[in-house]
C-alpha atoms as a PDB file:
ATOM      1  CA  MET A   1     -23.219   3.894  -4.185  1.00  0.00           C
ATOM      2  CA  SER A   2     -20.094   3.892  -2.904  1.00  0.00           C
ATOM      3  CA  ALA A   3     -16.633   4.327  -4.115  1.00  0.00           C
ATOM      4  CA  ARG A   4     -14.348   1.917  -5.427  1.00  0.00           C
ATOM      5  CA  VAL A   5     -11.486   1.070  -2.907  1.00  0.00           C
ATOM      6  CA  LEU A   6      -8.393  -1.021  -3.964  1.00  0.00           C
ATOM      7  CA  VAL A   7      -6.276  -1.745  -0.865  1.00  0.00           C
ATOM      8  CA  ALA A   8      -2.242  -3.208  -2.028  1.00  0.00           C
ATOM      9  CA  GLY A   9      -0.104  -4.955   0.413  1.00  0.00           C
ATOM     10  CA  ILE A  10       3.777  -4.089  -0.834  1.00  0.00           C
ATOM     11  CA  GLY A  11       7.052  -4.506   0.261  1.00  0.00           C
ATOM     12  CA  ASN A  12       9.815  -7.734   0.142  1.00  0.00           C
ATOM     13  CA  ILE A  13       8.755 -10.588   2.794  1.00  0.00           C
ATOM     14  CA  PHE A  14      12.846 -11.865   1.915  1.00  0.00           C
ATOM     15  CA  LEU A  15      13.831  -7.629   3.445  1.00  0.00           C
ATOM     16  CA  GLY A  16      12.845  -8.776   6.845  1.00  0.00           C
ATOM     17  CA  ASP A  17      10.600  -5.568   7.935  1.00  0.00           C
ATOM     18  CA  ASP A  18       9.749  -4.750   4.209  1.00  0.00           C
ATOM     19  CA  GLY A  19       7.422  -7.884   4.662  1.00  0.00           C
ATOM     20  CA  PHE A  20       4.888  -5.470   6.794  1.00  0.00           C
ATOM     21  CA  GLY A  21       2.536  -4.009   3.963  1.00  0.00           C
ATOM     22  CA  PRO A  22       1.892  -8.332   3.100  1.00  0.00           C
ATOM     23  CA  GLU A  23       1.162  -9.500   6.489  1.00  0.00           C
ATOM     24  CA  VAL A  24      -0.577  -6.203   7.221  1.00  0.00           C
ATOM     25  CA  VAL A  25      -2.776  -7.214   4.370  1.00  0.00           C
ATOM     26  CA  ARG A  26      -3.283 -11.483   5.691  1.00  0.00           C
ATOM     27  CA  ARG A  27      -4.649  -9.772   8.742  1.00  0.00           C
ATOM     28  CA  LEU A  28      -7.426  -8.373   6.577  1.00  0.00           C
ATOM     29  CA  PRO A  29     -10.969  -9.640   5.920  1.00  0.00           C
ATOM     30  CA  THR A  30      -9.490 -12.141   3.094  1.00  0.00           C
ATOM     31  CA  ALA A  31     -13.867 -11.855   1.474  1.00  0.00           C
ATOM     32  CA  SER A  32     -13.574  -8.563  -0.708  1.00  0.00           C
ATOM     33  CA  ALA A  33     -17.176  -6.994  -1.202  1.00  0.00           C
ATOM     34  CA  GLN A  34     -18.053  -5.638  -4.649  1.00  0.00           C
ATOM     35  CA  ASP A  35     -16.582  -1.806  -3.446  1.00  0.00           C
ATOM     36  CA  GLN A  36     -13.138  -2.764  -2.500  1.00  0.00           C
ATOM     37  CA  ARG A  37     -10.804  -5.677  -2.956  1.00  0.00           C
ATOM     38  CA  ILE A  38      -7.817  -6.174  -0.699  1.00  0.00           C
ATOM     39  CA  VAL A  39      -4.198  -7.782  -1.977  1.00  0.00           C
ATOM     40  CA  ASP A  40      -0.965  -8.552  -1.449  1.00  0.00           C
ATOM     41  CA  TYR A  41       0.742  -7.646  -4.627  1.00  0.00           C
ATOM     42  CA  GLY A  42       4.405  -8.280  -2.605  1.00  0.00           C
ATOM     43  CA  ILE A  43       6.857  -7.100  -5.222  1.00  0.00           C
ATOM     44  CA  ARG A  44       4.585  -7.100  -8.100  1.00  0.00           C
ATOM     45  CA  GLY A  45       4.367  -2.993  -8.924  1.00  0.00           C
ATOM     46  CA  LEU A  46       3.400  -4.082 -12.636  1.00  0.00           C
ATOM     47  CA  HIS A  47       0.544  -6.146 -12.067  1.00  0.00           C
ATOM     48  CA  LEU A  48      -0.843  -3.078  -9.367  1.00  0.00           C
ATOM     49  CA  ALA A  49      -0.205  -0.188 -12.034  1.00  0.00           C
ATOM     50  CA  TYR A  50      -2.532  -2.502 -14.456  1.00  0.00           C
ATOM     51  CA  ASP A  51      -4.823  -2.845 -11.908  1.00  0.00           C
ATOM     52  CA  LEU A  52      -5.004   0.322 -11.191  1.00  0.00           C
ATOM     53  CA  LEU A  53      -6.738   1.309 -15.053  1.00  0.00           C
ATOM     54  CA  ASP A  54      -9.732  -0.783 -13.722  1.00  0.00           C
ATOM     55  CA  GLY A  55     -11.213   2.528 -12.604  1.00  0.00           C
ATOM     56  CA  TRP A  56     -10.919   2.065  -8.697  1.00  0.00           C
ATOM     57  CA  ASP A  57     -11.755   5.603  -6.434  1.00  0.00           C
ATOM     58  CA  ALA A  58      -8.762   5.622  -4.517  1.00  0.00           C
ATOM     59  CA  LEU A  59      -6.333   3.636  -3.386  1.00  0.00           C
ATOM     60  CA  VAL A  60      -4.760   2.215   0.299  1.00  0.00           C
ATOM     61  CA  LEU A  61      -0.989   1.620   0.376  1.00  0.00           C
ATOM     62  CA  VAL A  62       0.305  -0.484   3.312  1.00  0.00           C
ATOM     63  CA  ASP A  63       3.745  -0.373   2.884  1.00  0.00           C
ATOM     64  CA  ALA A  64       7.070  -0.053   5.148  1.00  0.00           C
ATOM     65  CA  LEU A  65       8.639   3.442   5.886  1.00  0.00           C
ATOM     66  CA  PRO A  66      11.585   4.195   6.007  1.00  0.00           C
ATOM     67  CA  ASN A  67      13.564   4.350   9.963  1.00  0.00           C
ATOM     68  CA  THR A  68      13.241   8.292  11.050  1.00  0.00           C
ATOM     69  CA  GLY A  69      13.866   6.782  14.569  1.00  0.00           C
ATOM     70  CA  ASP A  70      11.006   5.687  15.161  1.00  0.00           C
ATOM     71  CA  PRO A  71      10.821   1.843  14.900  1.00  0.00           C
ATOM     72  CA  GLY A  72       6.830   0.672  14.912  1.00  0.00           C
ATOM     73  CA  HIS A  73       5.498   3.341  14.457  1.00  0.00           C
ATOM     74  CA  VAL A  74       2.193   3.972  12.152  1.00  0.00           C
ATOM     75  CA  GLN A  75       1.794   6.414  10.133  1.00  0.00           C
ATOM     76  CA  ILE A  76      -1.634   7.258   7.586  1.00  0.00           C
ATOM     77  CA  MET A  77      -0.617  10.423   5.237  1.00  0.00           C
ATOM     78  CA  ARG A  78      -2.128  10.970   2.190  1.00  0.00           C
ATOM     79  CA  ALA A  79       0.605  10.433  -1.250  1.00  0.00           C
ATOM     80  CA  GLU A  80      -0.038  13.468  -4.554  1.00  0.00           C
ATOM     81  CA  PRO A  81       0.920  11.099  -6.485  1.00  0.00           C
ATOM     82  CA  GLU A  82       1.951  13.596  -9.210  1.00  0.00           C
ATOM     83  CA  SER A  83      -0.177  13.378 -12.675  1.00  0.00           C
ATOM     84  CA  ASP A  84       3.691  14.553 -14.843  1.00  0.00           C
ATOM     85  CA  ALA A  85       5.558  11.958 -13.054  1.00  0.00           C
ATOM     86  CA  THR A  86       9.058  11.445 -14.935  1.00  0.00           C
ATOM     87  CA  THR A  87      10.092   7.913 -12.707  1.00  0.00           C
ATOM     88  CA  ALA A  88      10.985   5.433 -15.919  1.00  0.00           C
ATOM     89  CA  MET A  89       8.937   2.855 -16.097  1.00  0.00           C
ATOM     90  CA  ASP A  90      10.057  -0.362 -14.343  1.00  0.00           C
ATOM     91  CA  ALA A  91       8.449  -3.540 -14.254  1.00  0.00           C
ATOM     92  CA  HIS A  92      10.457  -4.788 -11.418  1.00  0.00           C
ATOM     93  CA  ALA A  93      10.165  -1.996  -8.843  1.00  0.00           C
ATOM     94  CA  MET A  94       7.187  -1.717  -6.224  1.00  0.00           C
ATOM     95  CA  ASN A  95       8.313   2.143  -5.351  1.00  0.00           C
ATOM     96  CA  PRO A  96       4.883   4.152  -5.556  1.00  0.00           C
ATOM     97  CA  GLU A  97       6.450   6.416  -7.602  1.00  0.00           C
ATOM     98  CA  ALA A  98       7.395   3.657 -10.074  1.00  0.00           C
ATOM     99  CA  VAL A  99       3.811   2.201 -10.058  1.00  0.00           C
ATOM    100  CA  PHE A 100       2.302   5.734 -10.450  1.00  0.00           C
ATOM    101  CA  ALA A 101       4.538   6.757 -13.609  1.00  0.00           C
ATOM    102  CA  ALA A 102       3.334   2.985 -15.114  1.00  0.00           C
ATOM    103  CA  VAL A 103       0.232   3.632 -14.735  1.00  0.00           C
ATOM    104  CA  HIS A 104       0.516   7.134 -16.584  1.00  0.00           C
ATOM    105  CA  ALA A 105       2.321   5.831 -18.802  1.00  0.00           C
ATOM    106  CA  LEU A 106      -0.401   3.245 -19.840  1.00  0.00           C
ATOM    107  CA  GLY A 107      -2.797   5.927 -20.599  1.00  0.00           C
ATOM    108  CA  GLY A 108      -4.322   5.746 -16.331  1.00  0.00           C
ATOM    109  CA  VAL A 109      -5.311   7.904 -13.602  1.00  0.00           C
ATOM    110  CA  VAL A 110      -3.806   6.957 -10.020  1.00  0.00           C
ATOM    111  CA  PRO A 111      -7.132   7.531  -7.726  1.00  0.00           C
ATOM    112  CA  PRO A 112      -6.502   9.804  -4.514  1.00  0.00           C
ATOM    113  CA  THR A 113      -4.100   7.176  -2.172  1.00  0.00           C
ATOM    114  CA  VAL A 114      -4.018   6.881   1.137  1.00  0.00           C
ATOM    115  CA  VAL A 115      -0.489   5.139   2.799  1.00  0.00           C
ATOM    116  CA  VAL A 116      -0.627   3.161   6.055  1.00  0.00           C
ATOM    117  CA  GLY A 117       3.167   2.417   6.427  1.00  0.00           C
ATOM    118  CA  CYS A 118       5.422   1.413   9.329  1.00  0.00           C
ATOM    119  CA  GLN A 119       8.178   2.522  10.245  1.00  0.00           C
ATOM    120  CA  VAL A 120      11.274  -0.095   9.699  1.00  0.00           C
ATOM    121  CA  ASP A 121      13.489  -1.768  12.396  1.00  0.00           C
ATOM    122  CA  SER A 122      15.599  -3.088   9.219  1.00  0.00           C
ATOM    123  CA  VAL A 123      15.533  -4.225   6.214  1.00  0.00           C
ATOM    124  CA  ALA A 124      18.574  -6.526   5.998  1.00  0.00           C
ATOM    125  CA  GLU A 125      17.973  -9.873   4.190  1.00  0.00           C
ATOM    126  CA  GLY A 126      15.928 -12.751   6.040  1.00  0.00           C
ATOM    127  CA  ILE A 127      12.037 -13.578   6.604  1.00  0.00           C
ATOM    128  CA  GLY A 128      10.235 -12.044   9.236  1.00  0.00           C
ATOM    129  CA  LEU A 129       9.407  -8.660  10.898  1.00  0.00           C
ATOM    130  CA  SER A 130      11.438  -7.523  14.003  1.00  0.00           C
ATOM    131  CA  ALA A 131       9.621  -7.371  17.119  1.00  0.00           C
ATOM    132  CA  ALA A 132       8.866  -3.609  17.035  1.00  0.00           C
ATOM    133  CA  VAL A 133       7.346  -3.935  13.527  1.00  0.00           C
ATOM    134  CA  ALA A 134       5.145  -7.110  14.118  1.00  0.00           C
ATOM    135  CA  ALA A 135       3.431  -5.720  17.035  1.00  0.00           C
ATOM    136  CA  ALA A 136       2.519  -2.343  14.754  1.00  0.00           C
ATOM    137  CA  VAL A 137       0.544  -5.495  12.239  1.00  0.00           C
ATOM    138  CA  ASP A 138      -2.905  -5.900  14.318  1.00  0.00           C
ATOM    139  CA  PRO A 139      -3.095  -1.689  14.847  1.00  0.00           C
ATOM    140  CA  ALA A 140      -2.407  -0.665  11.602  1.00  0.00           C
ATOM    141  CA  ALA A 141      -4.729  -3.391   9.966  1.00  0.00           C
ATOM    142  CA  ALA A 142      -7.297  -1.561  12.135  1.00  0.00           C
ATOM    143  CA  ALA A 143      -6.115   1.371  10.639  1.00  0.00           C
ATOM    144  CA  VAL A 144      -6.281   0.211   7.215  1.00  0.00           C
ATOM    145  CA  ALA A 145     -10.169  -1.029   8.109  1.00  0.00           C
ATOM    146  CA  ARG A 146     -11.267   2.108   9.118  1.00  0.00           C
ATOM    147  CA  VAL A 147      -9.791   3.917   6.047  1.00  0.00           C
ATOM    148  CA  ALA A 148     -10.654   2.083   3.513  1.00  0.00           C
ATOM    149  CA  ALA A 149     -14.148   2.585   5.409  1.00  0.00           C
ATOM    150  CA  GLN A 150     -14.003   6.022   5.453  1.00  0.00           C
ATOM    151  CA  LEU A 151     -12.852   6.171   1.977  1.00  0.00           C
ATOM    152  CA  ARG A 152     -15.798   3.708   0.437  1.00  0.00           C
ATOM    153  CA  ALA A 153     -18.443   6.442   2.304  1.00  0.00           C
ATOM    154  CA  GLY A 154     -16.660   9.429   0.210  1.00  0.00           C
ATOM    155  CA  GLN A 155     -15.102  10.770   3.203  1.00  0.00           C
ATOM    156  CA  GLU A 156     -11.949  12.482   3.436  1.00  0.00           C
ATOM    157  CA  VAL A 157      -9.644  10.702   5.383  1.00  0.00           C
END
């Protein structure tokens, strides 16, 4: 039996490159298998927190990363959600810490989490990704598919 994996695109499409996560999940197959679900959560952090209560074996977050000087660079990293998170629950926050805190406040456990992220160029108001981040969308979608397959197979990422 394969592991159940939730793939969550997060970000605000009205803030330029912050819309990276939703754009990547739009490029993934729309038909979810029984052991995988792909969702564009946008800025609905509490929705993601409630969905994580369904007992997923792993979570793949697809998100924009703060610009550290290399816009468009795709990174894959493990997130280590703290079991004693002290971040206050905020129904309107979409950052991973707030989502993880909400899961804990609701009595749930955050599954092992992998982030597929992209360094942003700009998160100024406006719709549309910068050229560097737009060029990273297809490679990131391929990385998400690969990571999700590995997690479903029970492999380390």
